[in-house]
Amino acid sequence: MPVSFKKICKSCLGYFAAFVVLSGFYMSLAATLPLNSDSVSAVLEAQDILHGNVLLHGWDLSTEPYYVTEILPYVVMAGLAGWHLSFYYLVPAMLMAAMVLLAFRLCRVMAPRGAWFFLALVAAPTAFGVQVMLIPCIHMGAYVGVLACWLLIFAQTKRGESGSLGCVCRVAGPVRRQ
């Protein structure tokens, strides 16, 4: 097995472990928040999509329905694991954990030595941050998408690779120190 492949696997395992720990931590914080009607509406939309109403016929949606970035993670989660009320708290926690790890990865790409400092700034939510960032349908999916796009852009321009598989492997792999 090539050394670089071992480093990539070790790095991916580290990110996965951090994702699980952060998701559990953020879910415990999110569980302290009460349900609200806007967020429950998003969860019910996801349940309706899962039952075949993909275009949400009969729903009166806002002008910004957050279909792709916020609702589809609930659909995927319910499709994989069945339906449970805990997804109300679990999906935002997982999106927040993904956002923190993508932000950390972006910090490592841009400034490899100071990345841990930036992770502490992003990962530790304040009391108000919990109320704003860990409720369903609050743009966390959009943040994850934007950070992933920035990582792909930096990986492609820095490495000069044109293939998307090469970009994904480089984003997931370790950062070379110069």
Protein backbone atom coordinates (compact mmCIF):
# COMPACT_ATOMS: atom_id res chain seq x y z
CA MET A 1 0.00 0.00 0.00
CA PRO A 2 1.53 3.36 -0.97
CA VAL A 3 2.46 5.70 1.84
CA SER A 4 0.28 8.53 0.54
CA PHE A 5 -2.77 6.23 0.50
CA LYS A 6 -2.09 5.27 4.13
CA LYS A 7 -1.91 8.94 5.08
CA ILE A 8 -5.17 9.65 3.27
CA CYS A 9 -6.91 6.75 5.03
CA LYS A 10 -5.56 7.85 8.42
CA SER A 11 -6.65 11.43 7.76
CA CYS A 12 -10.14 10.33 6.68
CA LEU A 13 -10.47 8.17 9.79
CA GLY A 14 -9.50 11.14 11.96
CA TYR A 15 -12.06 13.37 10.27
CA PHE A 16 -14.73 10.67 10.66
CA ALA A 17 -13.98 10.27 14.38
CA ALA A 18 -14.10 14.04 14.85
CA PHE A 19 -17.38 14.14 12.91
CA VAL A 20 -18.96 11.54 15.20
CA VAL A 21 -17.76 13.27 18.38
CA LEU A 22 -18.82 16.73 17.22
CA SER A 23 -22.20 15.44 16.03
CA GLY A 24 -22.86 13.91 19.44
CA PHE A 25 -21.77 17.08 21.21
CA TYR A 26 -23.87 19.35 19.02
CA MET A 27 -26.88 17.03 19.28
CA SER A 28 -26.73 17.21 23.07
CA LEU A 29 -26.73 21.00 22.82
CA ALA A 30 -29.52 21.04 20.23
CA ALA A 31 -31.70 18.80 22.38
CA THR A 32 -31.99 21.63 24.91
CA LEU A 33 -33.95 23.73 22.41
CA PRO A 34 -37.74 23.52 22.11
CA LEU A 35 -39.44 22.57 18.85
CA ASN A 36 -40.73 25.47 16.77
CA SER A 37 -43.26 25.55 13.94
CA ASP A 38 -40.88 26.64 11.16
CA SER A 39 -38.43 23.87 11.88
CA VAL A 40 -41.11 21.23 12.34
CA SER A 41 -42.53 22.29 8.97
CA ALA A 42 -39.17 21.52 7.36
CA VAL A 43 -39.11 18.08 8.98
CA LEU A 44 -42.68 17.39 7.82
CA GLU A 45 -41.77 18.50 4.28
CA ALA A 46 -38.94 15.97 4.31
CA GLN A 47 -41.31 13.27 5.50
CA ASP A 48 -43.76 14.12 2.71
CA ILE A 49 -40.96 13.97 0.11
CA LEU A 50 -39.95 10.57 1.46
CA HIS A 51 -43.53 9.36 1.00
CA GLY A 52 -43.51 10.29 -2.69
CA ASN A 53 -44.59 13.95 -2.83
CA VAL A 54 -41.24 15.02 -4.30
CA LEU A 55 -42.46 18.38 -5.60
CA LEU A 56 -44.43 19.08 -2.40
CA HIS A 57 -47.79 19.52 -4.13
CA GLY A 58 -50.34 21.05 -1.78
CA TRP A 59 -47.77 22.78 0.39
CA ASP A 60 -47.69 26.56 0.82
CA LEU A 61 -43.95 27.16 0.93
CA SER A 62 -42.04 30.34 1.61
CA THR A 63 -40.25 32.07 -1.23
CA GLU A 64 -37.07 30.32 -0.05
CA PRO A 65 -38.01 26.69 0.61
CA TYR A 66 -34.44 25.46 1.28
CA TYR A 67 -35.32 22.30 -0.63
CA VAL A 68 -31.84 21.16 -1.62
CA THR A 69 -29.70 22.46 1.22
CA GLU A 70 -31.91 21.92 4.25
CA ILE A 71 -34.74 19.49 3.46
CA LEU A 72 -32.86 16.79 1.53
CA PRO A 73 -30.54 15.85 4.43
CA TYR A 74 -33.67 14.93 6.41
CA VAL A 75 -34.96 12.90 3.47
CA VAL A 76 -31.67 11.01 3.19
CA MET A 77 -31.49 10.38 6.94
CA ALA A 78 -35.09 9.15 7.16
CA GLY A 79 -34.63 7.03 4.05
CA LEU A 80 -31.55 5.34 5.52
CA ALA A 81 -32.63 4.88 9.12
CA GLY A 82 -36.41 5.16 9.17
CA TRP A 83 -38.29 8.05 10.70
CA HIS A 84 -37.66 9.30 14.23
CA LEU A 85 -38.21 12.60 16.04
CA SER A 86 -34.54 12.69 17.08
CA PHE A 87 -33.68 13.64 13.48
CA TYR A 88 -35.02 17.09 14.36
CA TYR A 89 -31.87 17.46 16.48
CA LEU A 90 -29.49 15.04 14.78
CA VAL A 91 -29.48 16.46 11.25
CA PRO A 92 -28.60 20.06 12.27
CA ALA A 93 -25.92 18.65 14.58
CA MET A 94 -24.43 16.63 11.72
CA LEU A 95 -24.55 19.63 9.38
CA MET A 96 -22.86 21.80 12.03
CA ALA A 97 -20.17 19.15 12.56
CA ALA A 98 -19.60 18.94 8.81
CA MET A 99 -19.38 22.73 8.61
CA VAL A 100 -16.82 22.87 11.43
CA LEU A 101 -14.67 20.15 9.88
CA LEU A 102 -14.84 21.73 6.42
CA ALA A 103 -13.88 25.09 7.94
CA PHE A 104 -11.00 23.40 9.75
CA ARG A 105 -9.87 21.73 6.53
CA LEU A 106 -10.05 25.07 4.73
CA CYS A 107 -7.91 26.61 7.48
CA ARG A 108 -5.36 23.80 7.09
CA VAL A 109 -5.23 24.39 3.34
CA MET A 110 -4.80 28.14 3.71
CA ALA A 111 -2.69 28.30 6.89
CA PRO A 112 -1.46 24.84 7.95
CA ARG A 113 0.23 25.87 11.19
CA GLY A 114 -2.56 27.98 12.72
CA ALA A 115 -5.49 25.73 11.91
CA TRP A 116 -6.15 24.48 15.44
CA PHE A 117 -6.69 28.04 16.65
CA PHE A 118 -9.34 28.64 13.99
CA LEU A 119 -11.06 25.35 14.81
CA ALA A 120 -11.48 26.46 18.42
CA LEU A 121 -13.07 29.71 17.24
CA VAL A 122 -15.53 27.96 14.94
CA ALA A 123 -16.30 24.77 16.86
CA ALA A 124 -17.24 26.18 20.27
CA PRO A 125 -20.78 27.53 20.00
CA THR A 126 -21.97 30.28 22.29
CA ALA A 127 -25.35 30.16 24.01
CA PHE A 128 -26.86 32.32 21.27
CA GLY A 129 -25.07 30.30 18.60
CA VAL A 130 -26.82 27.14 19.76
CA GLN A 131 -30.21 28.83 19.36
CA VAL A 132 -29.35 30.14 15.93
CA MET A 133 -27.28 27.37 14.36
CA LEU A 134 -28.63 24.12 15.76
CA ILE A 135 -32.29 24.41 14.82
CA PRO A 136 -33.48 22.78 11.61
CA CYS A 137 -33.68 24.74 8.39
CA ILE A 138 -31.29 27.56 9.28
CA HIS A 139 -28.91 27.54 6.29
CA MET A 140 -26.37 25.06 7.70
CA GLY A 141 -26.64 22.92 4.57
CA ALA A 142 -25.83 25.96 2.45
CA TYR A 143 -22.76 26.70 4.57
CA VAL A 144 -21.56 23.12 4.14
CA GLY A 145 -22.02 23.38 0.36
CA VAL A 146 -20.15 26.67 0.12
CA LEU A 147 -17.22 25.43 2.21
CA ALA A 148 -17.02 22.22 0.16
CA CYS A 149 -16.94 24.28 -3.05
CA TRP A 150 -14.16 26.48 -1.67
CA LEU A 151 -12.13 23.41 -0.74
CA LEU A 152 -12.55 21.96 -4.22
CA ILE A 153 -11.55 25.28 -5.80
CA PHE A 154 -8.42 25.57 -3.62
CA ALA A 155 -7.48 21.94 -4.21
CA GLN A 156 -7.82 22.30 -7.96
CA THR A 157 -5.92 25.58 -8.26
CA LYS A 158 -3.18 24.60 -5.81
CA ARG A 159 -2.51 21.18 -7.29
CA GLY A 160 -3.30 22.01 -10.90
CA GLU A 161 -5.50 18.92 -11.19
CA SER A 162 -8.39 18.87 -13.58
CA GLY A 163 -10.11 15.62 -12.65
CA SER A 164 -12.82 15.78 -10.01
CA LEU A 165 -11.74 12.47 -8.44
CA GLY A 166 -8.25 13.86 -7.97
CA CYS A 167 -9.74 16.93 -6.32
CA VAL A 168 -11.82 14.87 -3.93
CA CYS A 169 -8.83 12.70 -3.00
CA ARG A 170 -6.67 15.75 -2.38
CA VAL A 171 -9.32 17.48 -0.27
CA ALA A 172 -9.71 14.36 1.89
CA GLY A 173 -5.98 13.70 2.13
CA PRO A 174 -3.32 15.20 4.38
CA VAL A 175 -1.84 18.63 3.77
CA ARG A 176 1.81 18.70 2.71
CA ARG A 177 3.97 20.91 4.87
CA GLN A 178 6.48 23.00 3.01
